[in-house]
C-alpha atoms as a PDB file:
ATOM      1  CA  MET A   1       0.000   0.000   0.000  1.00  0.00           C
ATOM      2  CA  ALA A   2       1.266   3.468  -0.822  1.00  0.00           C
ATOM      3  CA  ALA A   3       2.206   6.068   1.699  1.00  0.00           C
ATOM      4  CA  ARG A   4      -0.688   8.361   2.613  1.00  0.00           C
ATOM      5  CA  TRP A   5       0.164  11.756   3.954  1.00  0.00           C
ATOM      6  CA  ALA A   6      -0.712  15.357   3.267  1.00  0.00           C
ATOM      7  CA  HIS A   7       3.005  16.052   2.974  1.00  0.00           C
ATOM      8  CA  PRO A   8       5.995  13.735   3.195  1.00  0.00           C
ATOM      9  CA  PRO A   9       7.320  12.827   6.617  1.00  0.00           C
ATOM     10  CA  GLY A  10       9.730  15.479   7.741  1.00  0.00           C
ATOM     11  CA  GLY A  11       8.397  17.894   5.125  1.00  0.00           C
ATOM     12  CA  PRO A  12       7.103  21.347   5.929  1.00  0.00           C
ATOM     13  CA  SER A  13       3.753  21.659   7.610  1.00  0.00           C
ATOM     14  CA  GLU A  14       2.656  24.061   4.903  1.00  0.00           C
ATOM     15  CA  GLY A  15       4.188  21.830   2.263  1.00  0.00           C
ATOM     16  CA  PRO A  16       7.157  22.706   0.127  1.00  0.00           C
ATOM     17  CA  GLY A  17       6.434  24.979  -2.769  1.00  0.00           C
ATOM     18  CA  GLN A  18       3.758  26.870  -0.933  1.00  0.00           C
ATOM     19  CA  PRO A  19       5.817  29.777   0.369  1.00  0.00           C
ATOM     20  CA  SER A  20       7.236  32.206  -2.141  1.00  0.00           C
ATOM     21  CA  CYS A  21      10.658  32.030  -3.721  1.00  0.00           C
ATOM     22  CA  ARG A  22      10.583  34.977  -6.099  1.00  0.00           C
ATOM     23  CA  ARG A  23       7.684  36.118  -8.154  1.00  0.00           C
ATOM     24  CA  GLY A  24       7.828  34.540 -11.594  1.00  0.00           C
ATOM     25  CA  ARG A  25       6.067  35.322 -14.820  1.00  0.00           C
ATOM     26  CA  ARG A  26       3.192  33.384 -16.292  1.00  0.00           C
ATOM     27  CA  ASP A  27       4.174  29.892 -17.407  1.00  0.00           C
ATOM     28  CA  ASP A  28       3.816  29.881 -21.158  1.00  0.00           C
ATOM     29  CA  HIS A  29       5.380  26.453 -21.744  1.00  0.00           C
ATOM     30  CA  HIS A  30       1.948  25.070 -22.602  1.00  0.00           C
ATOM     31  CA  SER A  31      -0.935  27.390 -23.278  1.00  0.00           C
ATOM     32  CA  PRO A  32      -4.251  26.251 -21.781  1.00  0.00           C
ATOM     33  CA  ALA A  33      -5.601  25.842 -25.318  1.00  0.00           C
ATOM     34  CA  THR A  34      -2.834  23.335 -26.144  1.00  0.00           C
ATOM     35  CA  LEU A  35      -2.608  21.158 -23.063  1.00  0.00           C
ATOM     36  CA  PRO A  36      -0.595  17.962 -23.478  1.00  0.00           C
ATOM     37  CA  PRO A  37      -2.619  14.838 -24.343  1.00  0.00           C
ATOM     38  CA  GLY A  38      -4.247  13.238 -21.295  1.00  0.00           C
ATOM     39  CA  SER A  39      -4.067  16.453 -19.265  1.00  0.00           C
ATOM     40  CA  ARG A  40      -6.481  16.951 -16.436  1.00  0.00           C
ATOM     41  CA  ARG A  41      -7.446  20.444 -15.228  1.00  0.00           C
ATOM     42  CA  GLU A  42      -7.332  20.740 -11.438  1.00  0.00           C
ATOM     43  CA  ALA A  43      -9.085  23.210  -9.142  1.00  0.00           C
ATOM     44  CA  GLY A  44      -5.689  24.516  -7.976  1.00  0.00           C
ATOM     45  CA  GLY A  45      -5.188  26.437 -11.243  1.00  0.00           C
ATOM     46  CA  PHE A  46      -3.029  23.902 -13.039  1.00  0.00           C
ATOM     47  CA  ALA A  47      -3.310  20.958 -15.380  1.00  0.00           C
ATOM     48  CA  TRP A  48      -1.169  17.853 -15.651  1.00  0.00           C
ATOM     49  CA  ALA A  49      -1.244  14.430 -17.272  1.00  0.00           C
ATOM     50  CA  PRO A  50      -1.048  11.780 -14.536  1.00  0.00           C
ATOM     51  CA  PRO A  51      -0.512   8.178 -15.593  1.00  0.00           C
ATOM     52  CA  GLU A  52      -3.576   6.197 -16.626  1.00  0.00           C
ATOM     53  CA  GLY A  53      -4.748   3.548 -14.198  1.00  0.00           C
ATOM     54  CA  TRP A  54      -3.373   5.294 -11.086  1.00  0.00           C
ATOM     55  CA  ARG A  55      -5.637   5.927  -8.083  1.00  0.00           C
ATOM     56  CA  ARG A  56      -6.628   9.597  -7.712  1.00  0.00           C
ATOM     57  CA  ASP A  57      -7.004  11.126  -4.252  1.00  0.00           C
ATOM     58  CA  VAL A  58      -7.906  14.797  -3.849  1.00  0.00           C
ATOM     59  CA  GLN A  59      -6.612  16.130  -0.518  1.00  0.00           C
ATOM     60  CA  THR A  60      -8.065  19.601  -1.204  1.00  0.00           C
ATOM     61  CA  GLY A  61      -9.094  21.292  -4.415  1.00  0.00           C
ATOM     62  CA  ALA A  62      -5.531  22.529  -4.758  1.00  0.00           C
ATOM     63  CA  GLU A  63      -3.740  19.275  -3.777  1.00  0.00           C
ATOM     64  CA  VAL A  64      -4.089  16.097  -5.793  1.00  0.00           C
ATOM     65  CA  HIS A  65      -2.322  12.753  -5.274  1.00  0.00           C
ATOM     66  CA  TYR A  66      -1.994   9.836  -7.675  1.00  0.00           C
ATOM     67  CA  THR A  67      -0.780   6.441  -6.485  1.00  0.00           C
ATOM     68  CA  SER A  68       0.598   3.724  -8.759  1.00  0.00           C
ATOM     69  CA  PRO A  69      -1.376   0.463  -8.961  1.00  0.00           C
ATOM     70  CA  ASP A  70       1.360  -1.379  -7.019  1.00  0.00           C
ATOM     71  CA  GLY A  71       1.583   1.364  -4.351  1.00  0.00           C
ATOM     72  CA  GLY A  72       5.292   1.900  -5.013  1.00  0.00           C
ATOM     73  CA  GLN A  73       5.025   5.526  -6.152  1.00  0.00           C
ATOM     74  CA  GLU A  74       2.948   8.581  -5.402  1.00  0.00           C
ATOM     75  CA  LEU A  75       2.747  11.770  -7.469  1.00  0.00           C
ATOM     76  CA  VAL A  76       1.473  15.004  -5.946  1.00  0.00           C
ATOM     77  CA  ALA A  77       0.699  18.399  -7.440  1.00  0.00           C
ATOM     78  CA  LYS A  78      -0.547  21.364  -5.483  1.00  0.00           C
ATOM     79  CA  SER A  79      -0.816  25.121  -5.406  1.00  0.00           C
ATOM     80  CA  SER A  80      -1.311  27.896  -2.876  1.00  0.00           C
ATOM     81  CA  LEU A  81      -0.716  31.584  -2.431  1.00  0.00           C
ATOM     82  CA  ALA A  82       2.988  32.418  -2.459  1.00  0.00           C
ATOM     83  CA  ARG A  83       4.303  33.444   0.974  1.00  0.00           C
ATOM     84  CA  GLY A  84       7.841  34.029   2.223  1.00  0.00           C
ATOM     85  CA  ASP A  85      11.085  32.830   0.682  1.00  0.00           C
ATOM     86  CA  LEU A  86      10.797  29.285  -0.658  1.00  0.00           C
ATOM     87  CA  LEU A  87      14.409  28.212  -0.078  1.00  0.00           C
ATOM     88  CA  GLU A  88      14.437  29.577   3.482  1.00  0.00           C
ATOM     89  CA  THR A  89      11.150  27.826   4.281  1.00  0.00           C
ATOM     90  CA  TRP A  90      12.371  24.512   2.913  1.00  0.00           C
ATOM     91  CA  GLN A  91      15.681  24.883   4.795  1.00  0.00           C
ATOM     92  CA  THR A  92      13.726  25.354   8.038  1.00  0.00           C
ATOM     93  CA  SER A  93      11.590  22.327   7.190  1.00  0.00           C
ATOM     94  CA  GLU A  94      14.697  20.307   6.399  1.00  0.00           C
ATOM     95  CA  ARG A  95      16.167  21.121   9.822  1.00  0.00           C
ATOM     96  CA  ASN A  96      12.939  19.791  11.370  1.00  0.00           C
ATOM     97  CA  ALA A  97      12.882  16.718   9.105  1.00  0.00           C
ATOM     98  CA  HIS A  98      15.341  14.889  11.299  1.00  0.00           C
ATOM     99  CA  ARG A  99      12.331  13.860  13.358  1.00  0.00           C
ATOM    100  CA  GLY A 100      11.431  11.510  10.486  1.00  0.00           C
ATOM    101  CA  ARG A 101      12.787   7.980  10.694  1.00  0.00           C
ATOM    102  CA  ASP A 102      16.037   7.412   8.788  1.00  0.00           C
ATOM    103  CA  TYR A 103      15.794  10.820   7.106  1.00  0.00           C
ATOM    104  CA  ARG A 104      18.781  11.543   4.854  1.00  0.00           C
ATOM    105  CA  LYS A 105      19.073  14.683   2.754  1.00  0.00           C
ATOM    106  CA  ILE A 106      20.391  14.222  -0.764  1.00  0.00           C
ATOM    107  CA  ARG A 107      20.042  17.840  -1.869  1.00  0.00           C
ATOM    108  CA  LEU A 108      18.167  21.034  -1.126  1.00  0.00           C
ATOM    109  CA  GLU A 109      19.027  23.752  -3.613  1.00  0.00           C
ATOM    110  CA  GLU A 110      17.804  26.470  -5.903  1.00  0.00           C
ATOM    111  CA  THR A 111      17.179  25.539  -9.491  1.00  0.00           C
ATOM    112  CA  ALA A 112      14.899  26.694 -12.306  1.00  0.00           C
ATOM    113  CA  PHE A 113      11.743  25.246 -13.798  1.00  0.00           C
ATOM    114  CA  ARG A 114      10.726  26.680 -17.182  1.00  0.00           C
ATOM    115  CA  ASP A 115      12.632  29.895 -16.527  1.00  0.00           C
ATOM    116  CA  HIS A 116      11.067  30.324 -13.065  1.00  0.00           C
ATOM    117  CA  PRO A 117      13.240  30.311  -9.951  1.00  0.00           C
ATOM    118  CA  ALA A 118      12.586  27.028  -8.184  1.00  0.00           C
ATOM    119  CA  VAL A 119      13.785  24.830  -5.342  1.00  0.00           C
ATOM    120  CA  VAL A 120      14.390  21.091  -5.424  1.00  0.00           C
ATOM    121  CA  TRP A 121      14.526  18.989  -2.267  1.00  0.00           C
ATOM    122  CA  GLU A 122      15.487  15.349  -2.509  1.00  0.00           C
ATOM    123  CA  TYR A 123      15.800  12.938   0.404  1.00  0.00           C
ATOM    124  CA  THR A 124      15.184   9.415   1.644  1.00  0.00           C
ATOM    125  CA  PHE A 125      13.231   8.236   4.686  1.00  0.00           C
ATOM    126  CA  THR A 126      11.516   5.186   6.148  1.00  0.00           C
ATOM    127  CA  LEU A 127       7.782   4.913   6.772  1.00  0.00           C
ATOM    128  CA  LYS A 128       6.275   1.805   8.400  1.00  0.00           C
ATOM    129  CA  SER A 129       9.523  -0.110   7.767  1.00  0.00           C
ATOM    130  CA  VAL A 130       9.449   0.737   4.037  1.00  0.00           C
ATOM    131  CA  ALA A 131      12.228   2.811   2.445  1.00  0.00           C
ATOM    132  CA  TRP A 132      11.100   5.788   0.346  1.00  0.00           C
ATOM    133  CA  HIS A 133      12.845   8.321  -1.871  1.00  0.00           C
ATOM    134  CA  ALA A 134      11.315  11.802  -2.207  1.00  0.00           C
ATOM    135  CA  ARG A 135      11.863  14.436  -4.872  1.00  0.00           C
ATOM    136  CA  LEU A 136      10.027  17.750  -4.454  1.00  0.00           C
ATOM    137  CA  LEU A 137      10.017  20.707  -6.823  1.00  0.00           C
ATOM    138  CA  GLY A 138       8.505  24.084  -5.931  1.00  0.00           C
ATOM    139  CA  PHE A 139       8.235  27.293  -7.954  1.00  0.00           C
ATOM    140  CA  ASN A 140       6.148  30.468  -8.177  1.00  0.00           C
ATOM    141  CA  VAL A 141       4.139  32.062 -10.969  1.00  0.00           C
ATOM    142  CA  ASP A 142       2.120  35.273 -10.615  1.00  0.00           C
ATOM    143  CA  GLY A 143       1.833  35.209  -6.823  1.00  0.00           C
ATOM    144  CA  LYS A 144       0.977  31.493  -6.577  1.00  0.00           C
ATOM    145  CA  SER A 145       3.281  28.681  -5.542  1.00  0.00           C
ATOM    146  CA  TYR A 146       3.163  25.295  -7.200  1.00  0.00           C
ATOM    147  CA  GLN A 147       4.799  22.017  -6.437  1.00  0.00           C
ATOM    148  CA  ILE A 148       5.220  18.769  -8.295  1.00  0.00           C
ATOM    149  CA  ASN A 149       6.401  15.960  -6.032  1.00  0.00           C
ATOM    150  CA  THR A 150       7.004  12.245  -6.041  1.00  0.00           C
ATOM    151  CA  TRP A 151       7.694   9.614  -3.395  1.00  0.00           C
ATOM    152  CA  TYR A 152       8.769   6.192  -4.565  1.00  0.00           C
ATOM    153  CA  GLN A 153      10.293   3.002  -3.264  1.00  0.00           C
ATOM    154  CA  PRO A 154      13.985   2.951  -4.231  1.00  0.00           C
ATOM    155  CA  HIS A 155      13.787  -0.336  -6.177  1.00  0.00           C
ATOM    156  CA  THR A 156      11.450   1.417  -8.662  1.00  0.00           C
ATOM    157  CA  GLY A 157      13.881   4.334  -9.145  1.00  0.00           C
ATOM    158  CA  THR A 158      14.470   4.358 -12.912  1.00  0.00           C
ATOM    159  CA  THR A 159      10.826   3.741 -13.790  1.00  0.00           C
ATOM    160  CA  ALA A 160       9.553   6.093 -11.065  1.00  0.00           C
ATOM    161  CA  LEU A 161      11.800   8.953 -12.153  1.00  0.00           C
ATOM    162  CA  GLY A 162      10.801   8.454 -15.791  1.00  0.00           C
ATOM    163  CA  THR A 163       7.145   8.690 -14.790  1.00  0.00           C
ATOM    164  CA  TYR A 164       7.841  11.771 -12.664  1.00  0.00           C
ATOM    165  CA  GLU A 165       9.670  13.516 -15.520  1.00  0.00           C
ATOM    166  CA  LYS A 166       6.757  12.887 -17.923  1.00  0.00           C
ATOM    167  CA  VAL A 167       4.226  14.220 -15.425  1.00  0.00           C
ATOM    168  CA  LYS A 168       6.444  17.222 -14.622  1.00  0.00           C
ATOM    169  CA  GLU A 169       6.773  17.985 -18.342  1.00  0.00           C
ATOM    170  CA  SER A 170       2.972  17.976 -18.680  1.00  0.00           C
ATOM    171  CA  PHE A 171       2.445  20.359 -15.733  1.00  0.00           C
ATOM    172  CA  THR A 172       0.799  23.551 -16.950  1.00  0.00           C
ATOM    173  CA  VAL A 173      -0.120  26.653 -14.970  1.00  0.00           C
ATOM    174  CA  LEU A 174      -3.587  27.798 -16.118  1.00  0.00           C
END
């Protein structure tokens, strides 16, 4: 069974990607009129193309989870109003993440996503005796923060990251 949480263990209580990094410009990678095939519009002001056959679970209108049929991977997309500095917020959350079992940071750094300043946080942890790998990406566009995250069991790494990259590529701010 897949992990079920509103945010990953050790992650920020507000969820990474929710506070502001720097205000970005509108994401024009995909215009709403030309959404990628299989895209699904979400109440959080974004669209994405989750894999077919995965279980959908809406946490709130602005937070949607998809779990693989075997429970070995979860994909999450969400949005909120941008608040504060994203990197600083995630650094604070990372300092608090040590409460999680077997937490190990891989990286927490600034990056870019479609010309928007972004932050990526990657780490491993254990939940109910199962090892997990997390990769979180947060960025801001027009006063809103977005995040595209995945948690997967390490043995599914290559396949899980391929799936995550496809979903991330389909992500469109509306």
